[in-house]
Amino acid sequence: MEDAGQTVEQAQGAVPATGTRTRRRRLVLRWSAAVALVVAGVAGYLAWTRRPPAGPEFEVWEPSTEQIVAAVESLGETALEADRRLLFERLFTSRFRRHVMAVRLKWRSEREVDLLCAAAIPRREMARMAYMAYAEGYVTLGYPLRVHVYESYIMAPRRRVGILEPGEAGGKPVVQFDPYGLAEGGWRERFQRDGVIPPDDEAPPATPHAAPGASRLSRSAGSPVVRPSR
C-alpha cells in the first residue's frame, strides 16, 4: 500500500512539472518570435533609409528646355550673342532657384560656363546639372559648352570640383570629378609643394558619378561619359 501511495504521489507531482516546462517553452518561443520581428523591422527600416535617394527630376522643372529655347529665339536673329547668352544663363539659374536650390550658372568665356552649386548638393546631382547646361546650351545657342563645376560656400572661396568636357566633334561629353578639387590659380601646385596633397601620379582615382541621359530636346548632343581625373 505504501508503494502504491508513493507511485500516485510521484505521478501527481510529475504532471505540474511537465505543465510548467510546457508553459516555459511556449513563453520562450513567443518571446523569440517577438524579438525576431523587432530585429527584422529594424533591419528593414535601416535598409530603406540607407537606400540612395532618388534625385530631383530636374528635367521636368520649369523653365523647360523648350521654354528656354523659345525665349532665346524670341530675341530675334539681330540680337547680340551676349544678350542670348545672358538670357540663357538667367533662365537656367531660375529653374533651380524656384526650388530653393543654391545653384547658379555664370559665363566664364564665350564657350565656357561655371556651374556654382551649394556644397551640400551630391556630386551625382552636380553631374546631372552640368550635363543639362551642356546639352541645353548646345540646342539653344548652337555650340557645345565646357562646364566647370564648383562647390560654393557662404563667406568662403568657391572650389572647383569637376569639369564637363565637350569632347571631340561627334563624340560624347566627358564628366570628371577630382578628389582634390582641381585647384586653380596655382593652389594645386602649392598644396603639392607643401605636401598637403600628393603629386598627380600618386593621387587616388576619383569616384565616377554616372550622368543621366539627355532630355527630349537635347539627345542630339549625345550622352555624357564619366571619367575620373588623374
C-alpha atoms as a PDB file:
ATOM      1  CA  MET A   1       0.000   0.000   0.000  1.00  0.00           C
ATOM      2  CA  GLU A   2       2.818   2.361   0.817  1.00  0.00           C
ATOM      3  CA  ASP A   3       4.429   1.665  -2.582  1.00  0.00           C
ATOM      4  CA  ALA A   4       1.143   2.348  -4.350  1.00  0.00           C
ATOM      5  CA  GLY A   5       0.710   5.639  -2.494  1.00  0.00           C
ATOM      6  CA  GLN A   6       4.194   6.760  -3.363  1.00  0.00           C
ATOM      7  CA  THR A   7       3.593   5.943  -7.020  1.00  0.00           C
ATOM      8  CA  VAL A   8       0.388   8.014  -7.063  1.00  0.00           C
ATOM      9  CA  GLU A   9       2.124  10.967  -5.375  1.00  0.00           C
ATOM     10  CA  GLN A  10       5.016  10.821  -7.879  1.00  0.00           C
ATOM     11  CA  ALA A  11       2.560  10.778 -10.787  1.00  0.00           C
ATOM     12  CA  GLN A  12       0.644  13.730  -9.375  1.00  0.00           C
ATOM     13  CA  GLY A  13       3.904  15.673  -8.926  1.00  0.00           C
ATOM     14  CA  ALA A  14       5.073  14.877 -12.451  1.00  0.00           C
ATOM     15  CA  VAL A  15       2.001  16.465 -14.063  1.00  0.00           C
ATOM     16  CA  PRO A  16       2.584  20.001 -12.677  1.00  0.00           C
ATOM     17  CA  ALA A  17       6.291  19.758 -13.550  1.00  0.00           C
ATOM     18  CA  THR A  18       5.513  18.810 -17.124  1.00  0.00           C
ATOM     19  CA  GLY A  19       2.944  21.593 -17.427  1.00  0.00           C
ATOM     20  CA  THR A  20       5.459  24.159 -16.122  1.00  0.00           C
ATOM     21  CA  ARG A  21       8.069  23.121 -18.671  1.00  0.00           C
ATOM     22  CA  THR A  22       5.482  23.338 -21.450  1.00  0.00           C
ATOM     23  CA  ARG A  23       4.446  26.826 -20.402  1.00  0.00           C
ATOM     24  CA  ARG A  24       8.067  27.935 -20.211  1.00  0.00           C
ATOM     25  CA  ARG A  25       8.764  26.531 -23.661  1.00  0.00           C
ATOM     26  CA  ARG A  26       5.767  28.363 -25.116  1.00  0.00           C
ATOM     27  CA  LEU A  27       6.818  31.594 -23.428  1.00  0.00           C
ATOM     28  CA  VAL A  28      10.349  31.303 -24.819  1.00  0.00           C
ATOM     29  CA  LEU A  29       9.003  30.677 -28.312  1.00  0.00           C
ATOM     30  CA  ARG A  30       6.710  33.685 -28.097  1.00  0.00           C
ATOM     31  CA  TRP A  31       9.489  35.991 -26.915  1.00  0.00           C
ATOM     32  CA  SER A  32      11.835  34.636 -29.596  1.00  0.00           C
ATOM     33  CA  ALA A  33       9.241  35.342 -32.283  1.00  0.00           C
ATOM     34  CA  ALA A  34       8.666  38.856 -30.930  1.00  0.00           C
ATOM     35  CA  VAL A  35      12.409  39.603 -30.854  1.00  0.00           C
ATOM     36  CA  ALA A  36      12.803  38.228 -34.392  1.00  0.00           C
ATOM     37  CA  LEU A  37      10.013  40.515 -35.634  1.00  0.00           C
ATOM     38  CA  VAL A  38      11.557  43.540 -33.960  1.00  0.00           C
ATOM     39  CA  VAL A  39      15.003  42.770 -35.402  1.00  0.00           C
ATOM     40  CA  ALA A  40      13.527  42.241 -38.869  1.00  0.00           C
ATOM     41  CA  GLY A  41      11.619  45.520 -38.624  1.00  0.00           C
ATOM     42  CA  VAL A  42      14.695  47.480 -37.550  1.00  0.00           C
ATOM     43  CA  ALA A  43      16.813  45.891 -40.292  1.00  0.00           C
ATOM     44  CA  GLY A  44      14.174  46.692 -42.898  1.00  0.00           C
ATOM     45  CA  TYR A  45      13.921  50.295 -41.724  1.00  0.00           C
ATOM     46  CA  LEU A  46      17.687  50.779 -41.844  1.00  0.00           C
ATOM     47  CA  ALA A  47      17.869  49.197 -45.287  1.00  0.00           C
ATOM     48  CA  TRP A  48      15.119  51.531 -46.507  1.00  0.00           C
ATOM     49  CA  THR A  49      16.616  54.713 -45.078  1.00  0.00           C
ATOM     50  CA  ARG A  50      20.098  53.877 -46.382  1.00  0.00           C
ATOM     51  CA  ARG A  51      18.988  53.371 -49.968  1.00  0.00           C
ATOM     52  CA  PRO A  52      20.332  56.009 -52.355  1.00  0.00           C
ATOM     53  CA  PRO A  53      17.545  58.596 -52.582  1.00  0.00           C
ATOM     54  CA  ALA A  54      16.131  59.379 -55.988  1.00  0.00           C
ATOM     55  CA  GLY A  55      17.386  62.717 -57.223  1.00  0.00           C
ATOM     56  CA  PRO A  56      15.037  65.563 -58.092  1.00  0.00           C
ATOM     57  CA  GLU A  57      13.509  65.456 -61.552  1.00  0.00           C
ATOM     58  CA  PHE A  58      15.413  68.452 -62.875  1.00  0.00           C
ATOM     59  CA  GLU A  59      14.363  67.721 -66.428  1.00  0.00           C
ATOM     60  CA  VAL A  60      10.677  68.472 -65.756  1.00  0.00           C
ATOM     61  CA  TRP A  61      11.262  71.672 -63.774  1.00  0.00           C
ATOM     62  CA  GLU A  62      10.438  74.986 -65.401  1.00  0.00           C
ATOM     63  CA  PRO A  63      11.585  76.725 -67.375  1.00  0.00           C
ATOM     64  CA  SER A  64      11.857  73.615 -69.505  1.00  0.00           C
ATOM     65  CA  THR A  65      14.255  73.146 -72.359  1.00  0.00           C
ATOM     66  CA  GLU A  66      11.504  74.082 -74.788  1.00  0.00           C
ATOM     67  CA  GLN A  67      10.742  77.279 -72.872  1.00  0.00           C
ATOM     68  CA  ILE A  68      14.394  78.315 -72.747  1.00  0.00           C
ATOM     69  CA  VAL A  69      14.824  77.716 -76.471  1.00  0.00           C
ATOM     70  CA  ALA A  70      11.651  79.684 -77.258  1.00  0.00           C
ATOM     71  CA  ALA A  71      12.681  82.596 -75.027  1.00  0.00           C
ATOM     72  CA  VAL A  72      16.129  82.890 -76.615  1.00  0.00           C
ATOM     73  CA  GLU A  73      14.721  82.581 -80.124  1.00  0.00           C
ATOM     74  CA  SER A  74      12.195  85.321 -79.349  1.00  0.00           C
ATOM     75  CA  LEU A  75      15.081  87.805 -79.153  1.00  0.00           C
ATOM     76  CA  GLY A  76      15.337  87.570 -82.916  1.00  0.00           C
ATOM     77  CA  GLU A  77      18.193  86.986 -85.298  1.00  0.00           C
ATOM     78  CA  THR A  78      19.526  90.506 -84.816  1.00  0.00           C
ATOM     79  CA  ALA A  79      20.064  90.062 -81.077  1.00  0.00           C
ATOM     80  CA  LEU A  80      23.601  90.241 -79.804  1.00  0.00           C
ATOM     81  CA  GLU A  81      25.196  86.943 -78.859  1.00  0.00           C
ATOM     82  CA  ALA A  82      25.971  88.368 -75.423  1.00  0.00           C
ATOM     83  CA  ASP A  83      22.261  89.007 -74.854  1.00  0.00           C
ATOM     84  CA  ARG A  84      21.374  85.469 -75.901  1.00  0.00           C
ATOM     85  CA  ARG A  85      23.958  84.023 -73.530  1.00  0.00           C
ATOM     86  CA  LEU A  86      22.828  86.190 -70.599  1.00  0.00           C
ATOM     87  CA  LEU A  87      19.200  85.179 -71.105  1.00  0.00           C
ATOM     88  CA  PHE A  88      20.179  81.522 -71.212  1.00  0.00           C
ATOM     89  CA  GLU A  89      22.186  81.986 -68.009  1.00  0.00           C
ATOM     90  CA  ARG A  90      19.284  83.674 -66.210  1.00  0.00           C
ATOM     91  CA  LEU A  91      16.653  81.137 -67.267  1.00  0.00           C
ATOM     92  CA  PHE A  92      18.825  78.124 -66.470  1.00  0.00           C
ATOM     93  CA  THR A  93      19.580  79.515 -62.997  1.00  0.00           C
ATOM     94  CA  SER A  94      15.930  80.353 -62.311  1.00  0.00           C
ATOM     95  CA  ARG A  95      14.953  76.706 -62.795  1.00  0.00           C
ATOM     96  CA  PHE A  96      16.782  75.728 -59.612  1.00  0.00           C
ATOM     97  CA  ARG A  97      16.230  78.934 -57.651  1.00  0.00           C
ATOM     98  CA  ARG A  98      12.475  78.369 -57.934  1.00  0.00           C
ATOM     99  CA  HIS A  99      13.013  75.149 -55.989  1.00  0.00           C
ATOM    100  CA  VAL A 100      15.193  76.877 -53.384  1.00  0.00           C
ATOM    101  CA  MET A 101      18.384  75.239 -54.643  1.00  0.00           C
ATOM    102  CA  ALA A 102      21.588  77.251 -54.344  1.00  0.00           C
ATOM    103  CA  VAL A 103      22.647  76.812 -57.966  1.00  0.00           C
ATOM    104  CA  ARG A 104      23.859  79.425 -60.389  1.00  0.00           C
ATOM    105  CA  LEU A 105      25.132  79.341 -63.954  1.00  0.00           C
ATOM    106  CA  LYS A 106      27.679  82.001 -64.842  1.00  0.00           C
ATOM    107  CA  TRP A 107      29.525  82.607 -68.089  1.00  0.00           C
ATOM    108  CA  ARG A 108      33.279  82.160 -67.926  1.00  0.00           C
ATOM    109  CA  SER A 109      34.074  82.856 -71.576  1.00  0.00           C
ATOM    110  CA  GLU A 110      32.302  82.593 -74.919  1.00  0.00           C
ATOM    111  CA  ARG A 111      32.306  78.788 -74.790  1.00  0.00           C
ATOM    112  CA  GLU A 112      32.706  78.063 -71.067  1.00  0.00           C
ATOM    113  CA  VAL A 113      30.403  78.380 -68.079  1.00  0.00           C
ATOM    114  CA  ASP A 114      30.781  77.995 -64.316  1.00  0.00           C
ATOM    115  CA  LEU A 115      28.142  75.933 -62.526  1.00  0.00           C
ATOM    116  CA  LEU A 116      28.102  77.092 -58.894  1.00  0.00           C
ATOM    117  CA  CYS A 117      26.475  74.585 -56.539  1.00  0.00           C
ATOM    118  CA  ALA A 118      25.976  74.533 -52.803  1.00  0.00           C
ATOM    119  CA  ALA A 119      28.448  72.143 -51.192  1.00  0.00           C
ATOM    120  CA  ALA A 120      25.567  70.061 -49.772  1.00  0.00           C
ATOM    121  CA  ILE A 121      24.407  69.031 -53.259  1.00  0.00           C
ATOM    122  CA  PRO A 122      25.547  65.465 -54.060  1.00  0.00           C
ATOM    123  CA  ARG A 123      28.134  65.073 -56.798  1.00  0.00           C
ATOM    124  CA  ARG A 124      25.799  62.918 -58.852  1.00  0.00           C
ATOM    125  CA  GLU A 125      23.269  65.745 -58.999  1.00  0.00           C
ATOM    126  CA  MET A 126      26.040  68.205 -59.874  1.00  0.00           C
ATOM    127  CA  ALA A 127      26.921  65.937 -62.802  1.00  0.00           C
ATOM    128  CA  ARG A 128      23.287  65.915 -63.948  1.00  0.00           C
ATOM    129  CA  MET A 129      23.074  69.695 -63.829  1.00  0.00           C
ATOM    130  CA  ALA A 130      26.395  70.075 -65.642  1.00  0.00           C
ATOM    131  CA  TYR A 131      25.161  67.834 -68.421  1.00  0.00           C
ATOM    132  CA  MET A 132      21.907  69.786 -68.643  1.00  0.00           C
ATOM    133  CA  ALA A 133      23.876  73.033 -69.022  1.00  0.00           C
ATOM    134  CA  TYR A 134      25.946  71.445 -71.770  1.00  0.00           C
ATOM    135  CA  ALA A 135      23.027  69.860 -73.640  1.00  0.00           C
ATOM    136  CA  GLU A 136      20.642  72.797 -73.344  1.00  0.00           C
ATOM    137  CA  GLY A 137      23.368  75.248 -74.294  1.00  0.00           C
ATOM    138  CA  TYR A 138      24.005  73.139 -77.376  1.00  0.00           C
ATOM    139  CA  VAL A 139      20.391  73.149 -78.577  1.00  0.00           C
ATOM    140  CA  THR A 140      19.706  76.756 -77.516  1.00  0.00           C
ATOM    141  CA  LEU A 141      22.869  78.549 -78.623  1.00  0.00           C
ATOM    142  CA  GLY A 142      24.100  76.139 -81.259  1.00  0.00           C
ATOM    143  CA  TYR A 143      27.510  75.233 -79.829  1.00  0.00           C
ATOM    144  CA  PRO A 144      28.803  72.941 -77.067  1.00  0.00           C
ATOM    145  CA  LEU A 145      29.913  74.330 -73.720  1.00  0.00           C
ATOM    146  CA  ARG A 146      32.671  73.392 -71.344  1.00  0.00           C
ATOM    147  CA  VAL A 147      31.144  73.330 -67.850  1.00  0.00           C
ATOM    148  CA  HIS A 148      33.267  73.948 -64.756  1.00  0.00           C
ATOM    149  CA  VAL A 149      31.555  72.619 -61.621  1.00  0.00           C
ATOM    150  CA  TYR A 150      32.150  74.482 -58.365  1.00  0.00           C
ATOM    151  CA  GLU A 151      31.283  73.921 -54.741  1.00  0.00           C
ATOM    152  CA  SER A 152      30.196  77.267 -53.372  1.00  0.00           C
ATOM    153  CA  TYR A 153      30.306  78.256 -49.709  1.00  0.00           C
ATOM    154  CA  ILE A 154      28.999  81.189 -47.670  1.00  0.00           C
ATOM    155  CA  MET A 155      31.817  83.517 -46.613  1.00  0.00           C
ATOM    156  CA  ALA A 156      34.424  81.193 -48.145  1.00  0.00           C
ATOM    157  CA  PRO A 157      36.137  80.849 -51.537  1.00  0.00           C
ATOM    158  CA  ARG A 158      34.414  78.601 -54.014  1.00  0.00           C
ATOM    159  CA  ARG A 159      36.186  75.386 -55.010  1.00  0.00           C
ATOM    160  CA  ARG A 160      36.181  73.750 -58.414  1.00  0.00           C
ATOM    161  CA  VAL A 161      35.453  70.043 -58.045  1.00  0.00           C
ATOM    162  CA  GLY A 162      34.784  68.884 -61.579  1.00  0.00           C
ATOM    163  CA  ILE A 163      34.560  69.672 -65.244  1.00  0.00           C
ATOM    164  CA  LEU A 164      32.493  68.551 -68.207  1.00  0.00           C
ATOM    165  CA  GLU A 165      34.481  68.429 -71.424  1.00  0.00           C
ATOM    166  CA  PRO A 166      32.518  68.638 -74.680  1.00  0.00           C
ATOM    167  CA  GLY A 167      34.787  66.073 -76.285  1.00  0.00           C
ATOM    168  CA  GLU A 168      35.729  65.747 -79.909  1.00  0.00           C
ATOM    169  CA  ALA A 169      33.358  66.544 -82.750  1.00  0.00           C
ATOM    170  CA  GLY A 170      30.636  63.926 -82.791  1.00  0.00           C
ATOM    171  CA  GLY A 171      31.930  62.397 -79.563  1.00  0.00           C
ATOM    172  CA  LYS A 172      30.289  62.158 -76.182  1.00  0.00           C
ATOM    173  CA  PRO A 173      30.846  64.763 -73.466  1.00  0.00           C
ATOM    174  CA  VAL A 174      33.067  63.793 -70.582  1.00  0.00           C
ATOM    175  CA  VAL A 175      32.322  64.484 -66.909  1.00  0.00           C
ATOM    176  CA  GLN A 176      35.136  64.088 -64.432  1.00  0.00           C
ATOM    177  CA  PHE A 177      35.487  64.870 -60.736  1.00  0.00           C
ATOM    178  CA  ASP A 178      38.753  65.464 -58.915  1.00  0.00           C
ATOM    179  CA  PRO A 179      39.173  64.331 -55.262  1.00  0.00           C
ATOM    180  CA  TYR A 180      41.396  67.365 -54.594  1.00  0.00           C
ATOM    181  CA  GLY A 181      39.144  69.965 -56.160  1.00  0.00           C
ATOM    182  CA  LEU A 182      41.049  70.754 -59.352  1.00  0.00           C
ATOM    183  CA  ALA A 183      42.631  73.698 -57.536  1.00  0.00           C
ATOM    184  CA  GLU A 184      43.157  76.713 -59.770  1.00  0.00           C
ATOM    185  CA  GLY A 185      45.476  79.665 -59.765  1.00  0.00           C
ATOM    186  CA  GLY A 186      48.486  77.721 -58.523  1.00  0.00           C
ATOM    187  CA  TRP A 187      46.735  76.349 -55.445  1.00  0.00           C
ATOM    188  CA  ARG A 188      47.125  72.748 -56.563  1.00  0.00           C
ATOM    189  CA  GLU A 189      50.847  73.156 -57.157  1.00  0.00           C
ATOM    190  CA  ARG A 190      51.200  74.936 -53.831  1.00  0.00           C
ATOM    191  CA  PHE A 191      49.403  72.128 -51.979  1.00  0.00           C
ATOM    192  CA  GLN A 192      51.606  69.554 -53.664  1.00  0.00           C
ATOM    193  CA  ARG A 193      54.765  71.512 -52.882  1.00  0.00           C
ATOM    194  CA  ASP A 194      53.764  71.811 -49.226  1.00  0.00           C
ATOM    195  CA  GLY A 195      52.927  68.124 -49.011  1.00  0.00           C
ATOM    196  CA  VAL A 196      49.224  68.706 -48.347  1.00  0.00           C
ATOM    197  CA  ILE A 197      48.254  66.522 -51.312  1.00  0.00           C
ATOM    198  CA  PRO A 198      50.377  64.005 -53.229  1.00  0.00           C
ATOM    199  CA  PRO A 199      51.618  64.591 -56.783  1.00  0.00           C
ATOM    200  CA  ASP A 200      49.247  63.842 -59.627  1.00  0.00           C
ATOM    201  CA  ASP A 201      50.819  60.465 -60.339  1.00  0.00           C
ATOM    202  CA  GLU A 202      50.124  59.373 -56.734  1.00  0.00           C
ATOM    203  CA  ALA A 203      46.639  60.804 -56.358  1.00  0.00           C
ATOM    204  CA  PRO A 204      43.885  58.211 -55.764  1.00  0.00           C
ATOM    205  CA  PRO A 205      41.304  57.883 -58.522  1.00  0.00           C
ATOM    206  CA  ALA A 206      38.092  59.829 -58.115  1.00  0.00           C
ATOM    207  CA  THR A 207      34.798  58.027 -57.716  1.00  0.00           C
ATOM    208  CA  PRO A 208      32.956  58.320 -61.005  1.00  0.00           C
ATOM    209  CA  HIS A 209      29.401  59.588 -60.949  1.00  0.00           C
ATOM    210  CA  ALA A 210      27.024  58.409 -63.598  1.00  0.00           C
ATOM    211  CA  ALA A 211      25.356  61.156 -65.541  1.00  0.00           C
ATOM    212  CA  PRO A 212      21.797  60.897 -66.830  1.00  0.00           C
ATOM    213  CA  GLY A 213      20.602  60.552 -70.357  1.00  0.00           C
ATOM    214  CA  ALA A 214      19.707  63.588 -72.387  1.00  0.00           C
ATOM    215  CA  SER A 215      16.289  65.190 -72.240  1.00  0.00           C
ATOM    216  CA  ARG A 216      13.913  65.056 -75.184  1.00  0.00           C
ATOM    217  CA  LEU A 217      15.336  68.096 -76.961  1.00  0.00           C
ATOM    218  CA  SER A 218      18.943  67.570 -76.008  1.00  0.00           C
ATOM    219  CA  ARG A 219      19.502  63.982 -77.076  1.00  0.00           C
ATOM    220  CA  SER A 220      21.227  65.193 -80.213  1.00  0.00           C
ATOM    221  CA  ALA A 221      24.029  66.426 -78.006  1.00  0.00           C
ATOM    222  CA  GLY A 222      24.927  62.862 -77.052  1.00  0.00           C
ATOM    223  CA  SER A 223      25.122  61.137 -73.680  1.00  0.00           C
ATOM    224  CA  PRO A 224      27.856  62.033 -71.193  1.00  0.00           C
ATOM    225  CA  VAL A 225      30.666  59.715 -70.221  1.00  0.00           C
ATOM    226  CA  VAL A 226      32.042  59.934 -66.687  1.00  0.00           C
ATOM    227  CA  ARG A 227      35.765  59.546 -66.244  1.00  0.00           C
ATOM    228  CA  PRO A 228      37.810  60.036 -63.073  1.00  0.00           C
ATOM    229  CA  SER A 229      40.579  62.603 -63.318  1.00  0.00           C
ATOM    230  CA  ARG A 230      44.112  61.557 -62.699  1.00  0.00           C
END
